[in-house]
């Protein structure tokens, strides 16, 4: 009986080992755009509208040369033309696979928040659509705050402007802006880098994110406001209720970096005008979550919160940063990707991990972008 039992155990062990070896490996990812994370609005581009998605190729998309991700949308520049998928706040419809973006001709950049979308044209003009409750469209036509309609939501008194004045389902031109070279979007505000190296912002100013010295609850601008004190700006970033910029060897931020992202209270630390972030020299780019900003230098990544004190992440070989409201990713030497922050719905490329930095199972990455709870990369192996 003993010999028979041992033979049985050996057979079971061999079968178990054989089963493990026979488990098929996922097919290698093809070149092109690959996305992962939350996909309920079709923002992953794999033809499905489901929650967490592992890294998968975007269906039917050609060779891309640029990526821009919004809260629930994704866009790629392919052969000089924009292709988008996901939800672009209604005006462009919603699709789980890429389709040509024809809403605004000559679009070269797309930035979307949870309530509005803006695009930059090759000419430098900017057009926006979606919610205009706090002037996010920048067309000078936001609803009059004195005519807001009081209603009760979840036991709190909230004043909303009358509809349809607070929404546009068609693109409108941002007033007086024709020389933008880049645009960024936070929760309810938008900023543009102008050709002369200055910055103009519009939308909500509840947390000082416009940098014009105002940060009351109902503060807003429905047209671009120039930050006169900043010159020689080379790059900008925005998230939640905060904005940052790079000038020469300095980094400046304004607004409120805090976990709630858009709920600014009397106790929230606010920088109503641009504040220099000490200890950050030689910044090449900035990526921002709602409560933290990071700058990539030639040899390090430095991050800071509302305290304004920068500290090193200890990461080396970082080539590019990308951030959504609650997660951040980096393209590293060798074409690999690491992510950290909120792993909800697979934003970090895995369903769950106890590691602080998650190494995404992907290689040959040449570009990366992050959205609400999803991330996309351009993969090129040859």
Protein backbone atom coordinates (compact mmCIF):
# COMPACT_ATOMS: atom_id res chain seq x y z
CA UNK A 1 0.00 0.00 0.00
CA UNK A 2 2.85 2.34 0.82
CA UNK A 3 4.46 1.82 -2.62
CA UNK A 4 1.11 2.31 -4.36
CA UNK A 5 0.46 5.52 -2.44
CA UNK A 6 3.88 6.89 -3.32
CA UNK A 7 3.32 6.09 -6.99
CA UNK A 8 0.00 7.93 -6.87
CA UNK A 9 1.64 11.01 -5.32
CA UNK A 10 4.39 10.97 -7.94
CA UNK A 11 1.86 10.75 -10.77
CA UNK A 12 -0.14 13.66 -9.29
CA UNK A 13 3.02 15.74 -8.94
CA UNK A 14 4.04 15.02 -12.53
CA UNK A 15 0.57 15.88 -13.81
CA UNK A 16 0.58 19.11 -11.80
CA UNK A 17 4.00 20.00 -13.16
CA UNK A 18 2.89 19.17 -16.67
CA UNK A 19 -0.22 21.35 -16.32
CA UNK A 20 1.86 24.28 -15.17
CA UNK A 21 4.20 23.93 -18.14
CA UNK A 22 1.32 23.68 -20.59
CA UNK A 23 -0.30 26.95 -19.48
CA UNK A 24 -0.17 29.16 -22.57
CA UNK A 25 1.70 32.43 -22.36
CA UNK A 26 -0.08 35.56 -23.57
CA UNK A 27 0.92 36.44 -27.13
CA UNK A 28 3.59 39.14 -27.42
CA UNK A 29 2.25 42.62 -27.79
CA UNK A 30 2.54 44.05 -31.30
CA UNK A 31 4.09 47.36 -32.21
CA UNK A 32 1.76 50.35 -32.02
CA UNK A 33 -0.38 51.79 -29.23
CA UNK A 34 -0.96 49.63 -26.15
CA UNK A 35 -3.29 50.66 -23.30
CA UNK A 36 -4.36 49.33 -19.91
CA UNK A 37 -6.60 50.25 -16.96
CA UNK A 38 -10.21 51.38 -16.72
CA UNK A 39 -12.08 50.92 -19.98
CA UNK A 40 -15.78 51.42 -19.23
CA UNK A 41 -15.95 54.36 -21.66
CA UNK A 42 -13.96 52.60 -24.36
CA UNK A 43 -10.78 54.52 -23.50
CA UNK A 44 -8.58 51.39 -23.80
CA UNK A 45 -9.40 51.07 -27.50
CA UNK A 46 -9.62 47.27 -27.55
CA UNK A 47 -13.22 47.20 -28.71
CA UNK A 48 -14.52 46.51 -25.20
CA UNK A 49 -16.13 48.68 -22.52
CA UNK A 50 -15.15 46.82 -19.38
CA UNK A 51 -13.47 47.74 -16.10
CA UNK A 52 -9.88 46.64 -15.49
CA UNK A 53 -7.88 45.77 -18.60
CA UNK A 54 -4.37 44.28 -18.84
CA UNK A 55 -2.03 45.77 -21.44
CA UNK A 56 -3.61 45.21 -24.86
CA UNK A 57 -3.12 46.58 -28.36
CA UNK A 58 -5.45 49.31 -29.58
CA UNK A 59 -7.57 47.82 -32.35
CA UNK A 60 -7.10 48.95 -35.94
CA UNK A 61 -4.68 51.80 -35.26
CA UNK A 62 -1.71 52.54 -37.48
CA UNK A 63 1.73 53.78 -36.49
CA UNK A 64 1.29 56.61 -33.98
CA UNK A 65 3.67 59.51 -33.33
CA UNK A 66 1.99 61.09 -30.30
CA UNK A 67 -0.45 60.34 -27.44
CA UNK A 68 -2.89 62.47 -25.42
CA UNK A 69 -5.16 61.01 -22.73
CA UNK A 70 -8.11 62.64 -21.00
CA UNK A 71 -10.20 61.54 -18.05
CA UNK A 72 -12.18 59.01 -20.13
CA UNK A 73 -10.63 59.36 -23.57
CA UNK A 74 -7.52 58.65 -25.60
CA UNK A 75 -6.14 60.17 -28.80
CA UNK A 76 -3.16 59.40 -31.01
CA UNK A 77 -1.60 61.24 -33.93
CA UNK A 78 -1.42 58.84 -36.88
CA UNK A 79 -0.03 59.91 -40.25
CA UNK A 80 -0.60 63.53 -39.33
CA UNK A 81 -4.23 63.02 -38.39
CA UNK A 82 -5.82 62.59 -34.96
CA UNK A 83 -7.54 59.31 -34.05
CA UNK A 84 -9.57 59.16 -30.82
CA UNK A 85 -11.50 56.65 -28.72
CA UNK A 86 -13.40 56.74 -25.44
CA UNK A 87 -15.67 59.56 -24.29
CA UNK A 88 -14.89 63.10 -25.42
CA UNK A 89 -17.79 64.68 -23.50
CA UNK A 90 -20.44 63.96 -26.09
CA UNK A 91 -19.54 66.33 -28.92
CA UNK A 92 -17.34 63.78 -30.66
CA UNK A 93 -19.40 60.79 -29.51
CA UNK A 94 -18.10 57.73 -27.71
CA UNK A 95 -16.31 54.77 -29.28
CA UNK A 96 -14.51 51.68 -27.98
CA UNK A 97 -12.22 51.66 -31.04
CA UNK A 98 -10.25 54.48 -32.68
CA UNK A 99 -11.90 56.58 -35.31
CA UNK A 100 -10.80 59.71 -37.18
CA UNK A 101 -11.25 62.90 -35.21
CA UNK A 102 -12.93 65.36 -37.62
CA UNK A 103 -14.72 67.66 -35.19
CA UNK A 104 -12.01 70.34 -35.38
CA UNK A 105 -9.78 70.46 -38.48
CA UNK A 106 -5.99 70.40 -38.11
CA UNK A 107 -6.07 69.23 -34.49
CA UNK A 108 -2.57 68.53 -33.14
CA UNK A 109 -3.28 68.18 -29.39
CA UNK A 110 -6.28 67.09 -27.32
CA UNK A 111 -6.73 67.68 -23.57
CA UNK A 112 -9.80 66.50 -21.68
CA UNK A 113 -11.04 66.82 -18.12
CA UNK A 114 -14.06 65.12 -16.59
CA UNK A 115 -16.37 67.89 -17.84
CA UNK A 116 -14.88 69.49 -20.97
CA UNK A 117 -12.42 68.95 -23.79
CA UNK A 118 -10.07 71.39 -25.53
CA UNK A 119 -8.01 70.98 -28.68
CA UNK A 120 -5.10 72.93 -30.11
CA UNK A 121 -4.98 73.46 -33.84
CA UNK A 122 -1.81 73.65 -35.92
CA UNK A 123 -2.41 77.40 -36.28
CA UNK A 124 -2.19 77.92 -32.49
CA UNK A 125 -5.91 78.48 -32.01
CA UNK A 126 -7.70 76.57 -29.22
CA UNK A 127 -11.29 75.33 -29.27
CA UNK A 128 -13.27 73.75 -26.43
CA UNK A 129 -16.63 72.09 -25.77
CA UNK A 130 -18.52 70.54 -22.87
CA UNK A 131 -19.30 72.15 -19.52
CA UNK A 132 -18.93 75.90 -19.22
CA UNK A 133 -20.18 76.21 -15.66
CA UNK A 134 -16.98 77.93 -14.53
CA UNK A 135 -15.73 79.26 -17.84
CA UNK A 136 -13.81 76.13 -18.96
CA UNK A 137 -14.57 76.90 -22.61
CA UNK A 138 -12.74 80.23 -22.44
CA UNK A 139 -15.08 81.91 -24.92
CA UNK A 140 -16.20 84.73 -22.65
CA UNK A 141 -19.69 83.27 -22.44
CA UNK A 142 -19.85 81.58 -19.05
CA UNK A 143 -23.15 81.96 -17.17
CA UNK A 144 -23.56 85.02 -14.99
CA UNK A 145 -22.77 83.90 -11.39
CA UNK A 146 -25.54 86.18 -10.08
CA UNK A 147 -28.10 84.18 -12.05
CA UNK A 148 -27.20 80.75 -10.77
CA UNK A 149 -30.05 78.53 -9.71
CA UNK A 150 -29.84 77.22 -6.11
CA UNK A 151 -30.54 73.50 -5.70
CA UNK A 152 -29.81 70.90 -3.02
CA UNK A 153 -27.43 67.99 -3.68
CA UNK A 154 -26.69 65.44 -0.95
CA UNK A 155 -27.92 67.84 1.72
CA UNK A 156 -25.74 70.72 0.53
CA UNK A 157 -26.86 73.92 -1.13
CA UNK A 158 -25.33 74.20 -4.60
CA UNK A 159 -25.85 76.94 -7.16
CA UNK A 160 -25.85 75.93 -10.80
CA UNK A 161 -26.21 78.16 -13.84
CA UNK A 162 -29.23 77.78 -16.10
CA UNK A 163 -28.99 75.32 -18.97
CA UNK A 164 -28.09 75.54 -21.87
CA UNK A 165 -25.78 78.44 -20.99
CA UNK A 166 -23.60 76.12 -18.93
CA UNK A 167 -22.85 73.60 -21.71
CA UNK A 168 -21.86 73.54 -25.37
CA UNK A 169 -22.03 70.37 -27.44
CA UNK A 170 -20.10 72.06 -30.25
CA UNK A 171 -16.54 73.47 -30.23
CA UNK A 172 -16.20 77.17 -29.49
CA UNK A 173 -13.09 79.27 -29.97
CA UNK A 174 -11.15 80.34 -26.89
CA UNK A 175 -11.27 84.13 -26.84
CA UNK A 176 -8.15 85.98 -27.97
CA UNK A 177 -5.91 82.91 -28.17
CA UNK A 178 -4.23 82.21 -31.51
CA UNK A 179 -0.60 81.47 -30.59
CA UNK A 180 -0.76 78.42 -28.30
CA UNK A 181 2.10 75.93 -28.55
CA UNK A 182 0.77 73.56 -25.85
CA UNK A 183 -2.33 73.16 -23.68
CA UNK A 184 -2.99 71.34 -20.38
CA UNK A 185 -6.15 70.70 -18.38
CA UNK A 186 -6.90 70.25 -14.69
CA UNK A 187 -10.18 69.31 -13.07
CA UNK A 188 -12.03 72.45 -14.21
CA UNK A 189 -9.38 74.74 -15.66
CA UNK A 190 -7.23 74.94 -18.77
CA UNK A 191 -3.88 76.63 -19.43
CA UNK A 192 -2.01 77.37 -22.65
CA UNK A 193 1.67 77.95 -23.28
CA UNK A 194 1.95 80.82 -25.73
CA UNK A 195 4.53 81.25 -28.49
CA UNK A 196 6.27 84.08 -26.62
CA UNK A 197 6.89 81.84 -23.58
CA UNK A 198 4.04 83.14 -21.42
CA UNK A 199 1.11 81.26 -19.87
CA UNK A 200 -2.62 82.01 -20.08
CA UNK A 201 -5.27 80.17 -18.03
CA UNK A 202 -9.06 80.10 -17.78
CA UNK A 203 -11.84 78.27 -15.95
CA UNK A 204 -12.24 77.67 -12.22
CA UNK A 205 -9.96 79.59 -9.86
CA UNK A 206 -11.35 78.11 -6.62
CA UNK A 207 -7.90 76.87 -5.60
CA UNK A 208 -5.77 79.56 -7.19
CA UNK A 209 -5.06 77.36 -10.22
CA UNK A 210 -5.20 80.31 -12.64
CA UNK A 211 -2.39 82.07 -10.80
CA UNK A 212 -4.02 85.50 -10.85
CA UNK A 213 -4.23 85.93 -7.07
CA UNK A 214 -7.86 84.83 -6.63
CA UNK A 215 -9.04 81.62 -4.96
CA UNK A 216 -12.57 82.16 -3.66
CA UNK A 217 -15.13 79.37 -3.94
CA UNK A 218 -16.86 80.96 -6.95
CA UNK A 219 -13.78 82.56 -8.52
CA UNK A 220 -13.56 81.82 -12.24
CA UNK A 221 -12.49 83.35 -15.53
CA UNK A 222 -14.37 82.66 -18.76
CA UNK A 223 -11.51 83.92 -20.95
CA UNK A 224 -7.70 83.48 -20.88
CA UNK A 225 -5.82 85.45 -18.21
CA UNK A 226 -2.09 85.98 -18.78
CA UNK A 227 0.38 85.42 -15.95
CA UNK A 228 2.46 88.53 -16.50
CA UNK A 229 5.13 87.61 -13.93
CA UNK A 230 6.16 84.43 -15.78
CA UNK A 231 8.33 84.68 -18.89
CA UNK A 232 10.49 82.26 -20.81
CA UNK A 233 8.25 79.30 -19.98
CA UNK A 234 9.28 76.12 -21.80
CA UNK A 235 6.76 73.58 -20.44
CA UNK A 236 3.54 73.47 -18.40
CA UNK A 237 1.47 70.84 -16.57
CA UNK A 238 -1.85 70.80 -14.71
CA UNK A 239 -3.96 68.47 -12.55
CA UNK A 240 -6.82 68.89 -10.10
CA UNK A 241 -6.64 72.48 -8.88
CA UNK A 242 -2.97 73.16 -9.55
CA UNK A 243 -0.68 74.23 -12.39
CA UNK A 244 3.12 74.19 -12.82
CA UNK A 245 5.59 75.63 -15.31
CA UNK A 246 9.29 75.41 -16.17
CA UNK A 247 11.32 78.55 -16.86
CA UNK A 248 15.04 78.21 -17.59
CA UNK A 249 16.34 76.29 -14.54
CA UNK A 250 13.37 77.03 -12.27
CA UNK A 251 10.03 75.38 -11.58
CA UNK A 252 6.97 77.38 -10.55
CA UNK A 253 3.60 76.15 -9.26
CA UNK A 254 0.32 77.76 -8.29
CA UNK A 255 -3.03 76.56 -7.02
CA UNK A 256 -3.71 73.76 -4.51
CA UNK A 257 -1.98 70.38 -4.50
CA UNK A 258 -4.15 68.23 -2.26
CA UNK A 259 -5.71 64.73 -2.24
CA UNK A 260 -9.31 65.82 -2.79
CA UNK A 261 -8.36 67.12 -6.20
CA UNK A 262 -11.13 69.70 -6.59
CA UNK A 263 -12.59 70.32 -3.13
CA UNK A 264 -10.84 73.40 -1.75
CA UNK A 265 -11.66 74.41 1.82
CA UNK A 266 -10.48 77.19 4.12
CA UNK A 267 -7.81 74.85 5.52
CA UNK A 268 -6.40 73.85 2.11
CA UNK A 269 -2.91 75.28 1.46
CA UNK A 270 -3.22 77.52 -1.61
CA UNK A 271 -0.63 79.32 -3.75
CA UNK A 272 -2.72 82.00 -5.52
CA UNK A 273 0.30 83.22 -7.52
CA UNK A 274 3.30 81.31 -8.96
CA UNK A 275 5.63 79.97 -6.26
CA UNK A 276 9.17 78.84 -7.00
CA UNK A 277 9.84 75.25 -5.95
CA UNK A 278 13.19 75.32 -4.19
CA UNK A 279 15.77 72.66 -4.92
CA UNK A 280 14.55 71.75 -8.40
CA UNK A 281 17.15 72.72 -11.00
CA UNK A 282 17.41 71.71 -14.62
CA UNK A 283 13.86 70.36 -14.93
CA UNK A 284 13.12 68.82 -18.31
CA UNK A 285 9.42 68.05 -17.79
CA UNK A 286 6.72 68.03 -15.11
CA UNK A 287 3.99 65.46 -14.43
CA UNK A 288 1.22 66.04 -11.90
CA UNK A 289 -1.36 64.09 -9.94
CA UNK A 290 -4.02 65.93 -7.95
CA UNK A 291 -1.87 66.12 -4.82
CA UNK A 292 1.71 65.81 -6.05
CA UNK A 293 3.98 67.18 -8.77
CA UNK A 294 7.20 65.62 -10.06
CA UNK A 295 9.96 67.04 -12.22
CA UNK A 296 12.36 64.98 -14.29
CA UNK A 297 15.91 66.21 -14.49
CA UNK A 298 18.88 64.76 -16.36
CA UNK A 299 19.64 62.37 -13.51
CA UNK A 300 16.76 62.26 -11.05
CA UNK A 301 13.04 62.65 -10.38
CA UNK A 302 12.08 65.19 -7.71
CA UNK A 303 8.56 65.39 -6.25
CA UNK A 304 6.72 67.75 -3.90
CA UNK A 305 3.28 68.26 -2.36
CA UNK A 306 1.54 71.32 -0.89
CA UNK A 307 4.53 71.90 1.39
CA UNK A 308 6.55 72.96 -1.64
CA UNK A 309 9.55 70.91 -0.50
CA UNK A 310 11.02 68.71 -3.21
CA UNK A 311 12.59 65.33 -2.51
CA UNK A 312 14.18 62.68 -4.72
CA UNK A 313 12.36 59.49 -5.62
CA UNK A 314 15.68 57.77 -6.06
CA UNK A 315 14.79 56.69 -9.59
CA UNK A 316 17.49 56.63 -12.23
CA UNK A 317 17.35 56.20 -15.97
CA UNK A 318 13.97 57.91 -16.30
CA UNK A 319 13.31 59.12 -19.85
CA UNK A 320 9.71 60.34 -19.59
CA UNK A 321 6.97 60.92 -17.00
CA UNK A 322 3.19 60.65 -17.35
CA UNK A 323 0.49 61.17 -14.72
CA UNK A 324 -3.24 60.87 -14.19
CA UNK A 325 -5.13 62.33 -11.22
CA UNK A 326 -4.06 59.49 -8.88
CA UNK A 327 -1.25 57.54 -10.56
CA UNK A 328 2.06 58.15 -12.27
CA UNK A 329 4.15 56.16 -14.74
CA UNK A 330 7.64 56.51 -16.18
CA UNK A 331 9.36 55.29 -19.31
CA UNK A 332 12.77 54.02 -18.34
CA UNK A 333 15.96 53.06 -20.15
CA UNK A 334 15.52 49.96 -22.28
CA UNK A 335 11.95 50.86 -23.26
CA UNK A 336 10.35 49.52 -20.07
CA UNK A 337 7.69 51.12 -17.86
CA UNK A 338 7.22 51.45 -14.11
CA UNK A 339 4.10 52.86 -12.43
CA UNK A 340 3.11 53.85 -8.90
CA UNK A 341 0.17 55.34 -7.04
CA UNK A 342 -3.47 54.25 -7.19
CA UNK A 343 -3.77 50.77 -8.74
CA UNK A 344 -7.59 50.92 -8.91
CA UNK A 345 -9.01 49.34 -12.08
CA UNK A 346 -5.58 48.34 -13.33
CA UNK A 347 -4.19 51.84 -13.86
CA UNK A 348 -0.71 50.49 -13.02
CA UNK A 349 -0.94 47.63 -15.49
CA UNK A 350 -1.69 44.95 -12.88
CA UNK A 351 -4.79 44.02 -10.92
CA UNK A 352 -2.98 44.17 -7.57
CA UNK A 353 0.55 44.54 -6.27
CA UNK A 354 2.17 45.11 -2.91
CA UNK A 355 5.21 46.65 -4.58
CA UNK A 356 5.59 50.41 -4.42
CA UNK A 357 6.84 50.56 -8.00
CA UNK A 358 5.11 48.21 -10.43
CA UNK A 359 7.05 47.01 -13.47
CA UNK A 360 4.55 46.75 -16.31
CA UNK A 361 4.94 43.66 -18.52
CA UNK A 362 5.87 45.59 -21.66
CA UNK A 363 9.00 46.60 -23.56
CA UNK A 364 10.19 48.69 -26.53
CA UNK A 365 8.17 51.71 -25.33
CA UNK A 366 9.00 55.02 -27.04
CA UNK A 367 6.18 57.25 -25.69
CA UNK A 368 3.78 57.18 -22.74
CA UNK A 369 0.68 59.09 -21.57
CA UNK A 370 -1.72 58.75 -18.61
CA UNK A 371 -5.41 59.53 -18.23
CA UNK A 372 -8.06 59.27 -15.54
CA UNK A 373 -7.49 55.62 -14.59
CA UNK A 374 -5.79 54.37 -17.72
CA UNK A 375 -2.38 54.50 -19.36
CA UNK A 376 -1.24 54.15 -22.97
CA UNK A 377 2.15 53.74 -24.61
CA UNK A 378 3.58 53.59 -28.12
CA UNK A 379 5.56 50.40 -28.63
CA UNK A 380 8.16 50.17 -31.40
CA UNK A 381 10.46 47.16 -31.51
CA UNK A 382 12.22 47.95 -34.81
